Amino acid sequence: MEKNKAHILIVDDDNRIRDLLKEYLNENEYIVSTSENAENAKTKISHFKFDLIVLDVMMPGQNGYELTKEIKKNIKIPIILLTAKGEVENRIKGLELGADDYISKPFEPKELLLRIKNIINKNNKINLNNKHLVGNAQIDLNKMNINLGKKNKKINLSEKKVLTEMLSNPGKTFSREEIAKISGITQERSIDVMITRLRQKIENNPKNPKYLQTIRGSGYVLWIE
């Protein structure tokens, strides 16, 4: 599976809708799997990690409401319900069962795309009030410091901005241009110096980094165990 692309599961018994949404979301750089019923969906959920499920309510066998309730009981994953029913009570039922959003058929694929983006972006935003562990380093973005062993080191605003993005996107390679835009630092040499400083605050062995690594010719990446 390609890194940094969200993986969407489309569950609908209508072949035409599944094919249409898969093609459209692929064009918008999402990885898409499809299922024609709840049983097949549960099999795929048990084998793959999905970032979001688009789920039809009215399906033969286990319906979308029942599947939503079952999924939400076991795993934390966003669900958008597709429903031909526009009545308020049906929309409320889906939300009460744990669905994150709903969209009524017929719908514009672009509207669904925007809803998907909003939910995924919301879930990707890290909580600045939480502490984040990278190896042995405990990063507190709110207090702007990093604890490594018995050492407590402060980070500046530029470092905080870069760490926020990297922690939100572990495994993503950030080019120097992207880091410049995030940090507000324009000089390439200054970006390299900032990364070196961050390694000294995060890594047990900054000269042989395990977490904040250089991807030759591409940029920098933060790995989180």
C-alpha atoms as a PDB file:
ATOM      1  CA  MET A   1       0.000   0.000   0.000  1.00  0.00           C
ATOM      2  CA  GLU A   2       1.217   3.474  -0.834  1.00  0.00           C
ATOM      3  CA  LYS A   3       2.360   5.525   2.138  1.00  0.00           C
ATOM      4  CA  ASN A   4       0.598   8.715   3.194  1.00  0.00           C
ATOM      5  CA  LYS A   5      -2.608   7.959   1.245  1.00  0.00           C
ATOM      6  CA  ALA A   6      -5.820   7.402   3.189  1.00  0.00           C
ATOM      7  CA  HIS A   7      -7.449   3.993   2.677  1.00  0.00           C
ATOM      8  CA  ILE A   8     -11.234   4.132   2.206  1.00  0.00           C
ATOM      9  CA  LEU A   9     -13.666   1.197   2.323  1.00  0.00           C
ATOM     10  CA  ILE A  10     -16.845   1.576   0.258  1.00  0.00           C
ATOM     11  CA  VAL A  11     -19.650  -0.772   1.372  1.00  0.00           C
ATOM     12  CA  ASP A  12     -22.682  -0.806  -0.944  1.00  0.00           C
ATOM     13  CA  ASP A  13     -24.680  -3.543  -2.670  1.00  0.00           C
ATOM     14  CA  ASP A  14     -25.040  -1.368  -5.790  1.00  0.00           C
ATOM     15  CA  ASN A  15     -22.216  -2.243  -8.220  1.00  0.00           C
ATOM     16  CA  ARG A  16     -22.602   1.025 -10.098  1.00  0.00           C
ATOM     17  CA  ILE A  17     -22.177   3.177  -6.987  1.00  0.00           C
ATOM     18  CA  ARG A  18     -19.179   1.149  -5.783  1.00  0.00           C
ATOM     19  CA  ASP A  19     -17.431   1.443  -9.145  1.00  0.00           C
ATOM     20  CA  LEU A  20     -18.249   5.144  -9.508  1.00  0.00           C
ATOM     21  CA  LEU A  21     -16.975   6.055  -6.039  1.00  0.00           C
ATOM     22  CA  LYS A  22     -13.862   3.913  -6.360  1.00  0.00           C
ATOM     23  CA  GLU A  23     -12.904   5.562  -9.653  1.00  0.00           C
ATOM     24  CA  TYR A  24     -13.637   9.064  -8.351  1.00  0.00           C
ATOM     25  CA  LEU A  25     -11.766   8.632  -5.071  1.00  0.00           C
ATOM     26  CA  ASN A  26      -8.811   6.968  -6.855  1.00  0.00           C
ATOM     27  CA  GLU A  27      -8.621  10.042  -9.091  1.00  0.00           C
ATOM     28  CA  ASN A  28      -8.432  12.138  -5.927  1.00  0.00           C
ATOM     29  CA  GLU A  29      -5.500  10.063  -4.641  1.00  0.00           C
ATOM     30  CA  TYR A  30      -7.267   7.829  -2.134  1.00  0.00           C
ATOM     31  CA  ILE A  31      -6.701   4.094  -1.875  1.00  0.00           C
ATOM     32  CA  VAL A  32     -10.103   2.408  -2.170  1.00  0.00           C
ATOM     33  CA  SER A  33     -11.377  -1.066  -1.338  1.00  0.00           C
ATOM     34  CA  THR A  34     -14.985  -2.132  -1.865  1.00  0.00           C
ATOM     35  CA  SER A  35     -17.445  -4.610  -0.368  1.00  0.00           C
ATOM     36  CA  GLU A  36     -20.926  -5.581  -1.562  1.00  0.00           C
ATOM     37  CA  ASN A  37     -22.254  -6.561   1.880  1.00  0.00           C
ATOM     38  CA  ALA A  38     -21.563  -6.426   5.605  1.00  0.00           C
ATOM     39  CA  GLU A  39     -19.944  -9.861   5.846  1.00  0.00           C
ATOM     40  CA  ASN A  40     -17.376  -9.093   3.163  1.00  0.00           C
ATOM     41  CA  ALA A  41     -16.757  -5.683   4.765  1.00  0.00           C
ATOM     42  CA  LYS A  42     -16.043  -7.264   8.160  1.00  0.00           C
ATOM     43  CA  THR A  43     -13.583  -9.681   6.572  1.00  0.00           C
ATOM     44  CA  LYS A  44     -11.681  -6.800   4.974  1.00  0.00           C
ATOM     45  CA  ILE A  45     -11.764  -4.738   8.176  1.00  0.00           C
ATOM     46  CA  SER A  46     -10.177  -7.659  10.031  1.00  0.00           C
ATOM     47  CA  HIS A  47      -7.320  -7.841   7.499  1.00  0.00           C
ATOM     48  CA  PHE A  48      -6.666  -4.195   6.567  1.00  0.00           C
ATOM     49  CA  LYS A  49      -6.419  -0.840   8.301  1.00  0.00           C
ATOM     50  CA  PHE A  50      -8.915   1.676   6.932  1.00  0.00           C
ATOM     51  CA  ASP A  51      -8.961   5.407   7.584  1.00  0.00           C
ATOM     52  CA  LEU A  52     -12.685   5.769   6.851  1.00  0.00           C
ATOM     53  CA  ILE A  53     -15.707   3.703   5.800  1.00  0.00           C
ATOM     54  CA  VAL A  54     -18.447   4.898   3.436  1.00  0.00           C
ATOM     55  CA  LEU A  55     -21.382   2.652   4.300  1.00  0.00           C
ATOM     56  CA  ASP A  56     -24.769   2.187   2.632  1.00  0.00           C
ATOM     57  CA  VAL A  57     -27.652   1.856   5.083  1.00  0.00           C
ATOM     58  CA  MET A  58     -30.076  -0.256   3.032  1.00  0.00           C
ATOM     59  CA  MET A  59     -28.312  -3.522   2.192  1.00  0.00           C
ATOM     60  CA  PRO A  60     -29.513  -7.126   2.146  1.00  0.00           C
ATOM     61  CA  GLY A  61     -28.455  -9.105   5.200  1.00  0.00           C
ATOM     62  CA  GLN A  62     -26.953  -6.957   7.954  1.00  0.00           C
ATOM     63  CA  ASN A  63     -27.861  -3.338   7.232  1.00  0.00           C
ATOM     64  CA  GLY A  64     -25.697  -0.268   7.612  1.00  0.00           C
ATOM     65  CA  TYR A  65     -27.096   0.713  11.009  1.00  0.00           C
ATOM     66  CA  GLU A  66     -26.364  -2.719  12.473  1.00  0.00           C
ATOM     67  CA  LEU A  67     -22.889  -2.806  10.941  1.00  0.00           C
ATOM     68  CA  THR A  68     -22.123   0.684  12.243  1.00  0.00           C
ATOM     69  CA  LYS A  69     -23.055  -0.369  15.766  1.00  0.00           C
ATOM     70  CA  GLU A  70     -20.890  -3.502  15.528  1.00  0.00           C
ATOM     71  CA  ILE A  71     -17.862  -1.711  14.077  1.00  0.00           C
ATOM     72  CA  LYS A  72     -17.975   1.149  16.565  1.00  0.00           C
ATOM     73  CA  LYS A  73     -18.166  -1.318  19.444  1.00  0.00           C
ATOM     74  CA  ASN A  74     -14.868  -2.901  18.415  1.00  0.00           C
ATOM     75  CA  ILE A  75     -12.713  -0.302  16.655  1.00  0.00           C
ATOM     76  CA  LYS A  76     -12.404   3.446  16.344  1.00  0.00           C
ATOM     77  CA  ILE A  77     -12.903   4.302  12.691  1.00  0.00           C
ATOM     78  CA  PRO A  78     -14.883   7.135  11.047  1.00  0.00           C
ATOM     79  CA  ILE A  79     -18.059   6.115   9.187  1.00  0.00           C
ATOM     80  CA  ILE A  80     -20.094   8.102   6.665  1.00  0.00           C
ATOM     81  CA  LEU A  81     -23.560   6.634   6.046  1.00  0.00           C
ATOM     82  CA  LEU A  82     -25.148   6.646   2.604  1.00  0.00           C
ATOM     83  CA  THR A  83     -28.909   6.674   2.890  1.00  0.00           C
ATOM     84  CA  ALA A  84     -31.847   7.041   0.537  1.00  0.00           C
ATOM     85  CA  LYS A  85     -33.919   8.049   3.531  1.00  0.00           C
ATOM     86  CA  GLY A  86     -34.034  11.755   4.164  1.00  0.00           C
ATOM     87  CA  GLU A  87     -36.192  11.681   7.300  1.00  0.00           C
ATOM     88  CA  VAL A  88     -34.653  13.370  10.326  1.00  0.00           C
ATOM     89  CA  GLU A  89     -35.250  10.366  12.603  1.00  0.00           C
ATOM     90  CA  ASN A  90     -33.222   8.093  10.326  1.00  0.00           C
ATOM     91  CA  ARG A  91     -30.302  10.529  10.226  1.00  0.00           C
ATOM     92  CA  ILE A  92     -30.418  10.864  14.011  1.00  0.00           C
ATOM     93  CA  LYS A  93     -30.480   7.065  14.389  1.00  0.00           C
ATOM     94  CA  GLY A  94     -27.256   6.743  12.398  1.00  0.00           C
ATOM     95  CA  LEU A  95     -25.510   9.438  14.424  1.00  0.00           C
ATOM     96  CA  GLU A  96     -26.695   7.914  17.707  1.00  0.00           C
ATOM     97  CA  LEU A  97     -25.143   4.591  16.663  1.00  0.00           C
ATOM     98  CA  GLY A  98     -21.795   6.321  16.214  1.00  0.00           C
ATOM     99  CA  ALA A  99     -21.727   7.369  12.548  1.00  0.00           C
ATOM    100  CA  ASP A 100     -19.575  10.456  12.004  1.00  0.00           C
ATOM    101  CA  ASP A 101     -21.580  11.880   9.103  1.00  0.00           C
ATOM    102  CA  TYR A 102     -24.280  10.976   6.601  1.00  0.00           C
ATOM    103  CA  ILE A 103     -25.165  11.900   3.057  1.00  0.00           C
ATOM    104  CA  SER A 104     -28.486  11.254   1.316  1.00  0.00           C
ATOM    105  CA  LYS A 105     -28.772   9.585  -2.078  1.00  0.00           C
ATOM    106  CA  PRO A 106     -28.654  10.825  -4.745  1.00  0.00           C
ATOM    107  CA  PHE A 107     -25.532  12.868  -4.006  1.00  0.00           C
ATOM    108  CA  GLU A 108     -22.700  14.601  -5.813  1.00  0.00           C
ATOM    109  CA  PRO A 109     -19.385  12.700  -5.513  1.00  0.00           C
ATOM    110  CA  LYS A 110     -17.651  16.018  -4.839  1.00  0.00           C
ATOM    111  CA  GLU A 111     -19.805  16.570  -1.748  1.00  0.00           C
ATOM    112  CA  LEU A 112     -18.850  13.136  -0.425  1.00  0.00           C
ATOM    113  CA  LEU A 113     -15.188  13.893  -1.175  1.00  0.00           C
ATOM    114  CA  LEU A 114     -15.350  17.097   0.893  1.00  0.00           C
ATOM    115  CA  ARG A 115     -16.967  15.250   3.796  1.00  0.00           C
ATOM    116  CA  ILE A 116     -14.268  12.567   3.637  1.00  0.00           C
ATOM    117  CA  LYS A 117     -11.504  15.194   3.609  1.00  0.00           C
ATOM    118  CA  ASN A 118     -13.025  17.049   6.552  1.00  0.00           C
ATOM    119  CA  ILE A 119     -13.274  13.931   8.710  1.00  0.00           C
ATOM    120  CA  ILE A 120      -9.795  12.632   7.855  1.00  0.00           C
ATOM    121  CA  ASN A 121      -8.184  16.045   8.389  1.00  0.00           C
ATOM    122  CA  LYS A 122      -9.981  16.363  11.731  1.00  0.00           C
ATOM    123  CA  ASN A 123      -8.762  12.934  12.833  1.00  0.00           C
ATOM    124  CA  ASN A 124      -5.199  13.660  11.708  1.00  0.00           C
ATOM    125  CA  LYS A 125      -4.925  16.798  13.803  1.00  0.00           C
ATOM    126  CA  ILE A 126      -3.015  15.944  16.913  1.00  0.00           C
ATOM    127  CA  ASN A 127      -4.011  17.205  20.318  1.00  0.00           C
ATOM    128  CA  LEU A 128      -1.465  19.805  21.376  1.00  0.00           C
ATOM    129  CA  ASN A 129      -2.385  19.185  25.011  1.00  0.00           C
ATOM    130  CA  ASN A 130      -1.234  15.556  24.810  1.00  0.00           C
ATOM    131  CA  LYS A 131       2.331  14.384  25.260  1.00  0.00           C
ATOM    132  CA  HIS A 132       3.794  12.410  22.374  1.00  0.00           C
ATOM    133  CA  LEU A 133       6.372   9.651  22.663  1.00  0.00           C
ATOM    134  CA  VAL A 134       9.049   9.247  19.990  1.00  0.00           C
ATOM    135  CA  GLY A 135      11.382   6.494  21.126  1.00  0.00           C
ATOM    136  CA  ASN A 136      12.483   7.564  24.602  1.00  0.00           C
ATOM    137  CA  ALA A 137      11.735  11.235  23.978  1.00  0.00           C
ATOM    138  CA  GLN A 138       8.534  12.695  25.417  1.00  0.00           C
ATOM    139  CA  ILE A 139       7.397  15.706  23.402  1.00  0.00           C
ATOM    140  CA  ASP A 140       5.083  18.269  25.002  1.00  0.00           C
ATOM    141  CA  LEU A 141       3.999  20.651  22.240  1.00  0.00           C
ATOM    142  CA  ASN A 142       1.838  22.689  24.582  1.00  0.00           C
ATOM    143  CA  LYS A 143       4.723  23.461  26.948  1.00  0.00           C
ATOM    144  CA  MET A 144       7.185  23.431  24.041  1.00  0.00           C
ATOM    145  CA  ASN A 145       9.709  21.082  25.572  1.00  0.00           C
ATOM    146  CA  ILE A 146      11.162  17.605  25.067  1.00  0.00           C
ATOM    147  CA  ASN A 147      12.199  15.242  27.861  1.00  0.00           C
ATOM    148  CA  LEU A 148      14.878  12.690  26.990  1.00  0.00           C
ATOM    149  CA  GLY A 149      16.253  10.768  29.925  1.00  0.00           C
ATOM    150  CA  LYS A 150      17.022  13.321  32.620  1.00  0.00           C
ATOM    151  CA  LYS A 151      17.365  16.154  30.124  1.00  0.00           C
ATOM    152  CA  ASN A 152      14.615  18.686  29.461  1.00  0.00           C
ATOM    153  CA  LYS A 153      15.118  20.789  26.343  1.00  0.00           C
ATOM    154  CA  LYS A 154      12.998  23.656  25.042  1.00  0.00           C
ATOM    155  CA  ILE A 155      11.846  23.946  21.432  1.00  0.00           C
ATOM    156  CA  ASN A 156      11.203  27.188  19.596  1.00  0.00           C
ATOM    157  CA  LEU A 157       8.104  28.093  17.588  1.00  0.00           C
ATOM    158  CA  SER A 158       9.555  26.965  14.245  1.00  0.00           C
ATOM    159  CA  GLU A 159      10.514  23.600  15.720  1.00  0.00           C
ATOM    160  CA  LYS A 160       7.058  23.255  17.259  1.00  0.00           C
ATOM    161  CA  LYS A 161       5.360  23.883  13.899  1.00  0.00           C
ATOM    162  CA  VAL A 162       7.526  21.288  12.147  1.00  0.00           C
ATOM    163  CA  LEU A 163       7.051  18.697  14.900  1.00  0.00           C
ATOM    164  CA  THR A 164       3.282  19.244  14.876  1.00  0.00           C
ATOM    165  CA  GLU A 165       3.119  18.434  11.161  1.00  0.00           C
ATOM    166  CA  MET A 166       5.498  15.502  11.412  1.00  0.00           C
ATOM    167  CA  LEU A 167       3.695  13.973  14.397  1.00  0.00           C
ATOM    168  CA  SER A 168       0.419  14.358  12.489  1.00  0.00           C
ATOM    169  CA  ASN A 169       1.927  12.556   9.482  1.00  0.00           C
ATOM    170  CA  PRO A 170       4.351   9.884  10.715  1.00  0.00           C
ATOM    171  CA  GLY A 171       6.192   8.196   7.857  1.00  0.00           C
ATOM    172  CA  LYS A 172       5.597  11.099   5.472  1.00  0.00           C
ATOM    173  CA  THR A 173       8.676  12.566   3.797  1.00  0.00           C
ATOM    174  CA  PHE A 174       8.736  16.356   4.047  1.00  0.00           C
ATOM    175  CA  SER A 175      10.789  18.159   1.420  1.00  0.00           C
ATOM    176  CA  ARG A 176      12.899  21.162   2.397  1.00  0.00           C
ATOM    177  CA  GLU A 177      10.392  23.337   0.541  1.00  0.00           C
ATOM    178  CA  GLU A 178       7.547  21.987   2.680  1.00  0.00           C
ATOM    179  CA  ILE A 179       9.532  22.453   5.875  1.00  0.00           C
ATOM    180  CA  ALA A 180      10.383  26.014   4.823  1.00  0.00           C
ATOM    181  CA  LYS A 181       6.689  26.759   4.323  1.00  0.00           C
ATOM    182  CA  ILE A 182       5.717  25.199   7.664  1.00  0.00           C
ATOM    183  CA  SER A 183       8.491  26.763   9.732  1.00  0.00           C
ATOM    184  CA  GLY A 184       8.849  30.123   8.029  1.00  0.00           C
ATOM    185  CA  ILE A 185      12.574  29.452   7.564  1.00  0.00           C
ATOM    186  CA  THR A 186      13.684  30.119   4.017  1.00  0.00           C
ATOM    187  CA  GLN A 187      17.389  29.336   3.973  1.00  0.00           C
ATOM    188  CA  GLU A 188      18.155  25.710   3.179  1.00  0.00           C
ATOM    189  CA  ARG A 189      21.142  25.646   5.514  1.00  0.00           C
ATOM    190  CA  SER A 190      18.990  26.947   8.383  1.00  0.00           C
ATOM    191  CA  ILE A 191      16.506  24.100   7.825  1.00  0.00           C
ATOM    192  CA  ASP A 192      19.306  21.543   8.076  1.00  0.00           C
ATOM    193  CA  VAL A 193      20.508  23.190  11.297  1.00  0.00           C
ATOM    194  CA  MET A 194      16.990  23.051  12.768  1.00  0.00           C
ATOM    195  CA  ILE A 195      16.684  19.329  11.954  1.00  0.00           C
ATOM    196  CA  THR A 196      20.087  18.726  13.564  1.00  0.00           C
ATOM    197  CA  ARG A 197      18.909  20.549  16.721  1.00  0.00           C
ATOM    198  CA  LEU A 198      15.722  18.496  16.842  1.00  0.00           C
ATOM    199  CA  ARG A 199      17.710  15.273  16.528  1.00  0.00           C
ATOM    200  CA  GLN A 200      19.826  16.326  19.498  1.00  0.00           C
ATOM    201  CA  LYS A 201      16.619  16.719  21.505  1.00  0.00           C
ATOM    202  CA  ILE A 202      14.860  13.530  20.315  1.00  0.00           C
ATOM    203  CA  GLU A 203      17.496  10.930  19.447  1.00  0.00           C
ATOM    204  CA  ASN A 204      19.600   8.840  21.825  1.00  0.00           C
ATOM    205  CA  ASN A 205      22.299   8.936  19.142  1.00  0.00           C
ATOM    206  CA  PRO A 206      21.800  12.081  17.013  1.00  0.00           C
ATOM    207  CA  LYS A 207      24.643  11.137  14.652  1.00  0.00           C
ATOM    208  CA  ASN A 208      22.873   7.865  13.839  1.00  0.00           C
ATOM    209  CA  PRO A 209      19.194   8.890  14.018  1.00  0.00           C
ATOM    210  CA  LYS A 210      16.534   6.227  14.375  1.00  0.00           C
ATOM    211  CA  TYR A 211      13.407   8.396  14.251  1.00  0.00           C
ATOM    212  CA  LEU A 212      14.094  11.736  12.535  1.00  0.00           C
ATOM    213  CA  GLN A 213      15.791  10.544   9.393  1.00  0.00           C
ATOM    214  CA  THR A 214      17.088  12.032   6.147  1.00  0.00           C
ATOM    215  CA  ILE A 215      15.657  10.632   2.931  1.00  0.00           C
ATOM    216  CA  ARG A 216      18.442  11.350   0.472  1.00  0.00           C
ATOM    217  CA  GLY A 217      17.306  13.634  -2.335  1.00  0.00           C
ATOM    218  CA  SER A 218      13.809  13.982  -0.876  1.00  0.00           C
ATOM    219  CA  GLY A 219      13.827  15.526   2.589  1.00  0.00           C
ATOM    220  CA  TYR A 220      13.148  14.399   6.140  1.00  0.00           C
ATOM    221  CA  VAL A 221      10.797  11.909   7.779  1.00  0.00           C
ATOM    222  CA  LEU A 222       9.729  11.190  11.366  1.00  0.00           C
ATOM    223  CA  TRP A 223       9.128   7.554  12.303  1.00  0.00           C
ATOM    224  CA  ILE A 224       7.080   6.662  15.376  1.00  0.00           C
ATOM    225  CA  GLU A 225       7.154   3.158  16.858  1.00  0.00           C
END
